[in-house]
Amino acid sequence: MTTNSPRPSSIAAGVFFTCAGVAHFAKPDFFESIVPDWFPNAALTNRVSGAAELLLGLGMLSSKTRKVSALGLLLLTIAVFPANVDMAVNKVEPKPVDGRFTRSVGTATGPANWIRLPMQLPLLWWLWREFRSAR
């Protein structure tokens, strides 16, 4: 592997976030349904965060953009953390209604929304390592 070749972990991060970004556009109603009520314009929020994940994920595959992309993904992950907290505290779940996901508050059961909170730590650590190792 040359110094300009992405590490397997950089490729994995790139694929993970690129796919997540594509999902924002493939199923926007799902992602819009998890945007907190207090945040304005769920549709725009979904498009902006999806485009950021898509572009920054692709950026992980190039040595020229890997460092800034890893930092951008790190900051984006931090920026969306309040939505994860909102989901846990308010028991939010995306529920299908007439073929579209809608925001359902107070209906989520089980630990899934709480488990995703500490799972952000390994993700942040991974992105930090990618940022630090990029040239």
N, C-alpha and C. Protein backbone atom coordinates (compact mmCIF):
# COMPACT_ATOMS: atom_id res chain seq x y z
N MET A 1 0.85 -1.17 0.00
CA MET A 1 0.00 0.00 0.00
C MET A 1 0.90 1.24 0.00
N THR A 2 0.62 2.18 -0.90
CA THR A 2 1.40 3.41 -0.93
C THR A 2 0.88 4.36 0.14
N THR A 3 1.66 5.39 0.40
CA THR A 3 1.25 6.33 1.44
C THR A 3 -0.02 7.08 1.06
N ASN A 4 -0.32 7.16 -0.24
CA ASN A 4 -1.54 7.85 -0.67
C ASN A 4 -2.76 6.94 -0.68
N SER A 5 -2.55 5.64 -0.55
CA SER A 5 -3.67 4.70 -0.55
C SER A 5 -4.41 4.81 0.78
N PRO A 6 -5.74 4.73 0.72
CA PRO A 6 -6.48 4.79 1.98
C PRO A 6 -6.29 3.51 2.78
N ARG A 7 -6.25 3.65 4.09
CA ARG A 7 -6.20 2.49 4.98
C ARG A 7 -7.55 1.79 4.92
N PRO A 8 -7.58 0.50 5.24
CA PRO A 8 -8.88 -0.19 5.26
C PRO A 8 -9.91 0.51 6.16
N SER A 9 -9.46 1.07 7.28
CA SER A 9 -10.41 1.75 8.16
C SER A 9 -10.93 3.04 7.53
N SER A 10 -10.11 3.70 6.70
CA SER A 10 -10.58 4.90 5.99
C SER A 10 -11.61 4.52 4.94
N ILE A 11 -11.36 3.42 4.25
CA ILE A 11 -12.32 2.93 3.25
C ILE A 11 -13.63 2.57 3.94
N ALA A 12 -13.53 1.87 5.07
CA ALA A 12 -14.74 1.48 5.81
C ALA A 12 -15.54 2.71 6.24
N ALA A 13 -14.84 3.73 6.76
CA ALA A 13 -15.53 4.96 7.17
C ALA A 13 -16.17 5.63 5.96
N GLY A 14 -15.43 5.66 4.85
CA GLY A 14 -15.97 6.27 3.64
C GLY A 14 -17.23 5.57 3.16
N VAL A 15 -17.19 4.25 3.13
CA VAL A 15 -18.36 3.47 2.69
C VAL A 15 -19.52 3.66 3.66
N PHE A 16 -19.23 3.58 4.95
CA PHE A 16 -20.28 3.71 5.97
C PHE A 16 -21.01 5.04 5.83
N PHE A 17 -20.26 6.15 5.78
CA PHE A 17 -20.89 7.47 5.74
C PHE A 17 -21.48 7.79 4.37
N THR A 18 -20.86 7.29 3.31
CA THR A 18 -21.44 7.50 1.98
C THR A 18 -22.79 6.81 1.88
N CYS A 19 -22.86 5.58 2.35
CA CYS A 19 -24.14 4.85 2.34
C CYS A 19 -25.18 5.54 3.23
N ALA A 20 -24.75 6.02 4.38
CA ALA A 20 -25.67 6.75 5.26
C ALA A 20 -26.18 8.01 4.56
N GLY A 21 -25.29 8.71 3.86
CA GLY A 21 -25.70 9.92 3.14
C GLY A 21 -26.71 9.60 2.04
N VAL A 22 -26.47 8.53 1.30
CA VAL A 22 -27.40 8.12 0.25
C VAL A 22 -28.75 7.78 0.86
N ALA A 23 -28.73 7.12 2.02
CA ALA A 23 -29.98 6.74 2.69
C ALA A 23 -30.84 7.96 3.03
N HIS A 24 -30.21 9.07 3.34
CA HIS A 24 -30.97 10.30 3.63
C HIS A 24 -31.83 10.72 2.44
N PHE A 25 -31.34 10.45 1.24
CA PHE A 25 -32.08 10.84 0.03
C PHE A 25 -33.01 9.72 -0.45
N ALA A 26 -32.63 8.47 -0.16
CA ALA A 26 -33.46 7.34 -0.58
C ALA A 26 -34.72 7.22 0.29
N LYS A 27 -34.60 7.54 1.56
CA LYS A 27 -35.73 7.43 2.50
C LYS A 27 -35.79 8.67 3.38
N PRO A 28 -36.03 9.84 2.78
CA PRO A 28 -35.98 11.08 3.56
C PRO A 28 -36.98 11.13 4.70
N ASP A 29 -38.14 10.52 4.53
CA ASP A 29 -39.16 10.57 5.58
C ASP A 29 -38.66 9.91 6.87
N PHE A 30 -37.87 8.86 6.75
CA PHE A 30 -37.33 8.22 7.95
C PHE A 30 -36.43 9.19 8.72
N PHE A 31 -35.51 9.82 8.01
CA PHE A 31 -34.56 10.73 8.67
C PHE A 31 -35.24 12.01 9.15
N GLU A 32 -36.21 12.50 8.40
CA GLU A 32 -36.94 13.70 8.83
C GLU A 32 -37.73 13.41 10.11
N SER A 33 -38.17 12.17 10.27
CA SER A 33 -38.98 11.84 11.45
C SER A 33 -38.14 11.80 12.73
N ILE A 34 -36.83 11.75 12.63
CA ILE A 34 -36.01 11.73 13.85
C ILE A 34 -35.36 13.09 14.15
N VAL A 35 -35.65 14.08 13.32
CA VAL A 35 -35.19 15.44 13.61
C VAL A 35 -36.03 15.96 14.77
N PRO A 36 -35.39 16.48 15.81
CA PRO A 36 -36.16 16.97 16.97
C PRO A 36 -37.18 18.05 16.58
N ASP A 37 -38.30 18.07 17.29
CA ASP A 37 -39.37 19.04 17.02
C ASP A 37 -38.87 20.48 17.14
N TRP A 38 -37.94 20.71 18.05
CA TRP A 38 -37.46 22.07 18.29
C TRP A 38 -36.51 22.56 17.19
N PHE A 39 -36.10 21.65 16.30
CA PHE A 39 -35.18 22.04 15.23
C PHE A 39 -35.98 22.43 14.00
N PRO A 40 -35.67 23.59 13.40
CA PRO A 40 -36.48 24.04 12.27
C PRO A 40 -36.21 23.24 10.98
N ASN A 41 -37.24 23.05 10.20
CA ASN A 41 -37.16 22.51 8.85
C ASN A 41 -36.47 21.15 8.76
N ALA A 42 -37.20 20.12 9.12
CA ALA A 42 -36.67 18.76 9.11
C ALA A 42 -36.21 18.33 7.72
N ALA A 43 -36.93 18.73 6.68
CA ALA A 43 -36.56 18.33 5.32
C ALA A 43 -35.21 18.92 4.92
N LEU A 44 -35.02 20.20 5.20
CA LEU A 44 -33.74 20.83 4.88
C LEU A 44 -32.62 20.24 5.73
N THR A 45 -32.89 20.01 6.99
CA THR A 45 -31.90 19.41 7.88
C THR A 45 -31.46 18.05 7.35
N ASN A 46 -32.42 17.25 6.91
CA ASN A 46 -32.12 15.94 6.35
C ASN A 46 -31.24 16.07 5.10
N ARG A 47 -31.60 16.96 4.20
CA ARG A 47 -30.83 17.11 2.95
C ARG A 47 -29.41 17.59 3.23
N VAL A 48 -29.26 18.55 4.13
CA VAL A 48 -27.93 19.09 4.43
C VAL A 48 -27.06 18.03 5.11
N SER A 49 -27.61 17.35 6.12
CA SER A 49 -26.81 16.34 6.81
C SER A 49 -26.53 15.15 5.91
N GLY A 50 -27.47 14.78 5.07
CA GLY A 50 -27.25 13.69 4.11
C GLY A 50 -26.18 14.03 3.09
N ALA A 51 -26.25 15.25 2.57
CA ALA A 51 -25.23 15.69 1.59
C ALA A 51 -23.85 15.74 2.26
N ALA A 52 -23.81 16.20 3.50
CA ALA A 52 -22.53 16.26 4.22
C ALA A 52 -21.97 14.85 4.42
N GLU A 53 -22.80 13.92 4.85
CA GLU A 53 -22.33 12.55 5.04
C GLU A 53 -21.84 11.96 3.72
N LEU A 54 -22.59 12.20 2.66
CA LEU A 54 -22.24 11.66 1.35
C LEU A 54 -20.90 12.24 0.86
N LEU A 55 -20.77 13.54 0.87
CA LEU A 55 -19.55 14.18 0.36
C LEU A 55 -18.34 13.89 1.25
N LEU A 56 -18.52 13.98 2.55
CA LEU A 56 -17.40 13.71 3.45
C LEU A 56 -17.02 12.23 3.44
N GLY A 57 -18.01 11.37 3.30
CA GLY A 57 -17.72 9.93 3.17
C GLY A 57 -16.88 9.66 1.94
N LEU A 58 -17.26 10.24 0.82
CA LEU A 58 -16.46 10.08 -0.40
C LEU A 58 -15.08 10.68 -0.22
N GLY A 59 -15.01 11.78 0.52
CA GLY A 59 -13.72 12.42 0.79
C GLY A 59 -12.75 11.56 1.56
N MET A 60 -13.27 10.57 2.28
CA MET A 60 -12.39 9.66 3.03
C MET A 60 -11.58 8.76 2.10
N LEU A 61 -11.97 8.67 0.85
CA LEU A 61 -11.30 7.76 -0.09
C LEU A 61 -10.12 8.39 -0.81
N SER A 62 -9.93 9.69 -0.66
CA SER A 62 -8.84 10.39 -1.33
C SER A 62 -7.86 10.96 -0.30
N SER A 63 -6.58 10.77 -0.57
CA SER A 63 -5.57 11.29 0.36
C SER A 63 -5.62 12.82 0.43
N LYS A 64 -6.09 13.46 -0.63
CA LYS A 64 -6.14 14.92 -0.66
C LYS A 64 -7.22 15.49 0.24
N THR A 65 -8.26 14.72 0.48
CA THR A 65 -9.40 15.23 1.25
C THR A 65 -9.65 14.45 2.54
N ARG A 66 -8.88 13.41 2.78
CA ARG A 66 -9.15 12.52 3.91
C ARG A 66 -9.11 13.24 5.26
N LYS A 67 -8.14 14.07 5.48
CA LYS A 67 -8.00 14.73 6.79
C LYS A 67 -9.19 15.66 7.06
N VAL A 68 -9.51 16.51 6.09
CA VAL A 68 -10.62 17.44 6.29
C VAL A 68 -11.95 16.68 6.35
N SER A 69 -12.07 15.59 5.60
CA SER A 69 -13.30 14.79 5.63
C SER A 69 -13.48 14.11 6.98
N ALA A 70 -12.40 13.56 7.52
CA ALA A 70 -12.49 12.92 8.83
C ALA A 70 -12.88 13.94 9.90
N LEU A 71 -12.29 15.12 9.84
CA LEU A 71 -12.65 16.17 10.79
C LEU A 71 -14.11 16.59 10.60
N GLY A 72 -14.53 16.74 9.37
CA GLY A 72 -15.92 17.10 9.09
C GLY A 72 -16.89 16.06 9.60
N LEU A 73 -16.58 14.78 9.41
CA LEU A 73 -17.45 13.71 9.91
C LEU A 73 -17.46 13.67 11.44
N LEU A 74 -16.33 13.94 12.04
CA LEU A 74 -16.25 14.02 13.50
C LEU A 74 -17.17 15.13 14.02
N LEU A 75 -17.07 16.29 13.42
CA LEU A 75 -17.91 17.43 13.84
C LEU A 75 -19.38 17.18 13.54
N LEU A 76 -19.67 16.56 12.40
CA LEU A 76 -21.06 16.24 12.05
C LEU A 76 -21.66 15.26 13.06
N THR A 77 -20.87 14.27 13.45
CA THR A 77 -21.35 13.28 14.43
C THR A 77 -21.67 13.96 15.76
N ILE A 78 -20.84 14.91 16.15
CA ILE A 78 -21.09 15.67 17.37
C ILE A 78 -22.35 16.54 17.19
N ALA A 79 -22.50 17.14 16.02
CA ALA A 79 -23.62 18.05 15.76
C ALA A 79 -24.97 17.33 15.80
N VAL A 80 -25.02 16.08 15.37
CA VAL A 80 -26.30 15.36 15.35
C VAL A 80 -26.58 14.62 16.66
N PHE A 81 -25.63 14.65 17.58
CA PHE A 81 -25.82 13.97 18.86
C PHE A 81 -27.08 14.44 19.61
N PRO A 82 -27.40 15.73 19.61
CA PRO A 82 -28.65 16.14 20.29
C PRO A 82 -29.89 15.43 19.76
N ALA A 83 -29.92 15.07 18.50
CA ALA A 83 -31.06 14.32 17.97
C ALA A 83 -31.13 12.93 18.60
N ASN A 84 -29.97 12.32 18.84
CA ASN A 84 -29.95 11.02 19.51
C ASN A 84 -30.43 11.14 20.96
N VAL A 85 -30.02 12.20 21.62
CA VAL A 85 -30.48 12.44 23.00
C VAL A 85 -32.00 12.66 23.00
N ASP A 86 -32.48 13.46 22.06
CA ASP A 86 -33.92 13.71 21.94
C ASP A 86 -34.68 12.41 21.75
N MET A 87 -34.16 11.53 20.89
CA MET A 87 -34.84 10.26 20.65
C MET A 87 -34.93 9.43 21.93
N ALA A 88 -33.86 9.43 22.72
CA ALA A 88 -33.85 8.63 23.95
C ALA A 88 -34.77 9.24 25.01
N VAL A 89 -34.60 10.51 25.27
CA VAL A 89 -35.35 11.17 26.34
C VAL A 89 -36.85 11.20 26.05
N ASN A 90 -37.20 11.46 24.79
CA ASN A 90 -38.61 11.60 24.42
C ASN A 90 -39.23 10.33 23.84
N LYS A 91 -38.48 9.22 23.90
CA LYS A 91 -38.97 7.93 23.41
C LYS A 91 -39.51 8.04 21.98
N VAL A 92 -38.68 8.63 21.11
CA VAL A 92 -39.08 8.86 19.72
C VAL A 92 -38.80 7.62 18.89
N GLU A 93 -39.74 7.31 18.03
CA GLU A 93 -39.51 6.26 17.04
C GLU A 93 -40.15 6.67 15.72
N PRO A 94 -39.48 6.36 14.63
CA PRO A 94 -40.10 6.57 13.32
C PRO A 94 -41.15 5.48 13.11
N LYS A 95 -42.38 5.89 12.85
CA LYS A 95 -43.45 4.91 12.65
C LYS A 95 -44.01 5.06 11.24
N PRO A 96 -44.18 3.94 10.55
CA PRO A 96 -44.78 4.01 9.22
C PRO A 96 -46.29 4.30 9.31
N VAL A 97 -46.69 5.33 8.58
CA VAL A 97 -48.11 5.68 8.48
C VAL A 97 -48.39 5.95 7.01
N ASP A 98 -49.28 5.15 6.43
CA ASP A 98 -49.63 5.28 5.01
C ASP A 98 -48.39 5.27 4.11
N GLY A 99 -47.44 4.39 4.43
CA GLY A 99 -46.26 4.23 3.59
C GLY A 99 -45.15 5.24 3.82
N ARG A 100 -45.32 6.15 4.77
CA ARG A 100 -44.29 7.15 5.10
C ARG A 100 -43.99 7.08 6.58
N PHE A 101 -42.72 7.28 6.90
CA PHE A 101 -42.35 7.34 8.31
C PHE A 101 -42.74 8.69 8.88
N THR A 102 -43.31 8.66 10.08
CA THR A 102 -43.65 9.88 10.80
C THR A 102 -43.04 9.81 12.19
N ARG A 103 -42.90 10.94 12.79
CA ARG A 103 -42.31 11.05 14.13
C ARG A 103 -43.36 10.67 15.17
N SER A 104 -43.05 9.68 15.98
CA SER A 104 -43.94 9.26 17.04
C SER A 104 -43.22 9.45 18.37
N VAL A 105 -43.72 10.36 19.18
CA VAL A 105 -43.09 10.70 20.46
C VAL A 105 -43.76 9.92 21.58
N GLY A 106 -42.94 9.37 22.46
CA GLY A 106 -43.45 8.67 23.63
C GLY A 106 -43.83 7.23 23.38
N THR A 107 -43.52 6.69 22.22
CA THR A 107 -43.95 5.34 21.89
C THR A 107 -42.81 4.32 21.82
N ALA A 108 -41.59 4.78 21.77
CA ALA A 108 -40.46 3.84 21.66
C ALA A 108 -40.34 3.04 22.95
N THR A 109 -40.16 1.74 22.80
CA THR A 109 -39.96 0.87 23.95
C THR A 109 -38.61 0.18 23.81
N GLY A 110 -38.09 -0.30 24.89
CA GLY A 110 -36.81 -0.99 24.86
C GLY A 110 -35.64 -0.01 24.93
N PRO A 111 -34.45 -0.56 24.98
CA PRO A 111 -33.26 0.25 25.21
C PRO A 111 -32.58 0.81 23.94
N ALA A 112 -33.12 0.56 22.77
CA ALA A 112 -32.41 0.91 21.52
C ALA A 112 -31.98 2.37 21.46
N ASN A 113 -32.88 3.29 21.80
CA ASN A 113 -32.53 4.71 21.72
C ASN A 113 -31.47 5.10 22.75
N TRP A 114 -31.44 4.42 23.88
CA TRP A 114 -30.42 4.70 24.90
C TRP A 114 -29.09 4.07 24.54
N ILE A 115 -29.12 2.91 23.91
CA ILE A 115 -27.88 2.21 23.53
C ILE A 115 -27.11 3.00 22.48
N ARG A 116 -27.82 3.68 21.60
CA ARG A 116 -27.13 4.42 20.54
C ARG A 116 -26.32 5.59 21.09
N LEU A 117 -26.65 6.09 22.28
CA LEU A 117 -25.89 7.21 22.85
C LEU A 117 -24.44 6.84 23.13
N PRO A 118 -24.16 5.80 23.94
CA PRO A 118 -22.75 5.47 24.16
C PRO A 118 -22.06 4.91 22.91
N MET A 119 -22.83 4.41 21.95
CA MET A 119 -22.23 3.90 20.71
C MET A 119 -21.62 5.02 19.88
N GLN A 120 -21.97 6.26 20.20
CA GLN A 120 -21.36 7.38 19.49
C GLN A 120 -19.89 7.53 19.86
N LEU A 121 -19.52 7.08 21.06
CA LEU A 121 -18.13 7.22 21.51
C LEU A 121 -17.15 6.44 20.64
N PRO A 122 -17.39 5.15 20.34
CA PRO A 122 -16.46 4.46 19.44
C PRO A 122 -16.44 5.08 18.04
N LEU A 123 -17.57 5.58 17.60
CA LEU A 123 -17.62 6.23 16.29
C LEU A 123 -16.76 7.50 16.29
N LEU A 124 -16.88 8.28 17.33
CA LEU A 124 -16.05 9.49 17.45
C LEU A 124 -14.58 9.14 17.56
N TRP A 125 -14.27 8.11 18.32
CA TRP A 125 -12.87 7.67 18.46
C TRP A 125 -12.33 7.23 17.11
N TRP A 126 -13.09 6.48 16.34
CA TRP A 126 -12.70 6.01 15.01
C TRP A 126 -12.40 7.20 14.10
N LEU A 127 -13.31 8.16 14.07
CA LEU A 127 -13.11 9.34 13.21
C LEU A 127 -11.92 10.17 13.68
N TRP A 128 -11.71 10.27 14.97
CA TRP A 128 -10.54 10.99 15.50
C TRP A 128 -9.25 10.31 15.04
N ARG A 129 -9.22 8.98 15.12
CA ARG A 129 -8.04 8.23 14.65
C ARG A 129 -7.82 8.45 13.16
N GLU A 130 -8.89 8.48 12.39
CA GLU A 130 -8.75 8.72 10.95
C GLU A 130 -8.21 10.12 10.70
N PHE A 131 -8.69 11.09 11.45
CA PHE A 131 -8.20 12.45 11.31
C PHE A 131 -6.72 12.52 11.65
N ARG A 132 -6.34 11.93 12.77
CA ARG A 132 -4.94 11.99 13.22
C ARG A 132 -3.99 11.25 12.28
N SER A 133 -4.44 10.20 11.65
CA SER A 133 -3.55 9.40 10.80
C SER A 133 -3.48 9.94 9.37
N ALA A 134 -4.43 10.79 8.97
CA ALA A 134 -4.43 11.32 7.61
C ALA A 134 -3.28 12.31 7.44
N ARG A 135 -2.75 12.33 6.25
CA ARG A 135 -1.63 13.24 5.95
C ARG A 135 -2.11 14.48 5.26
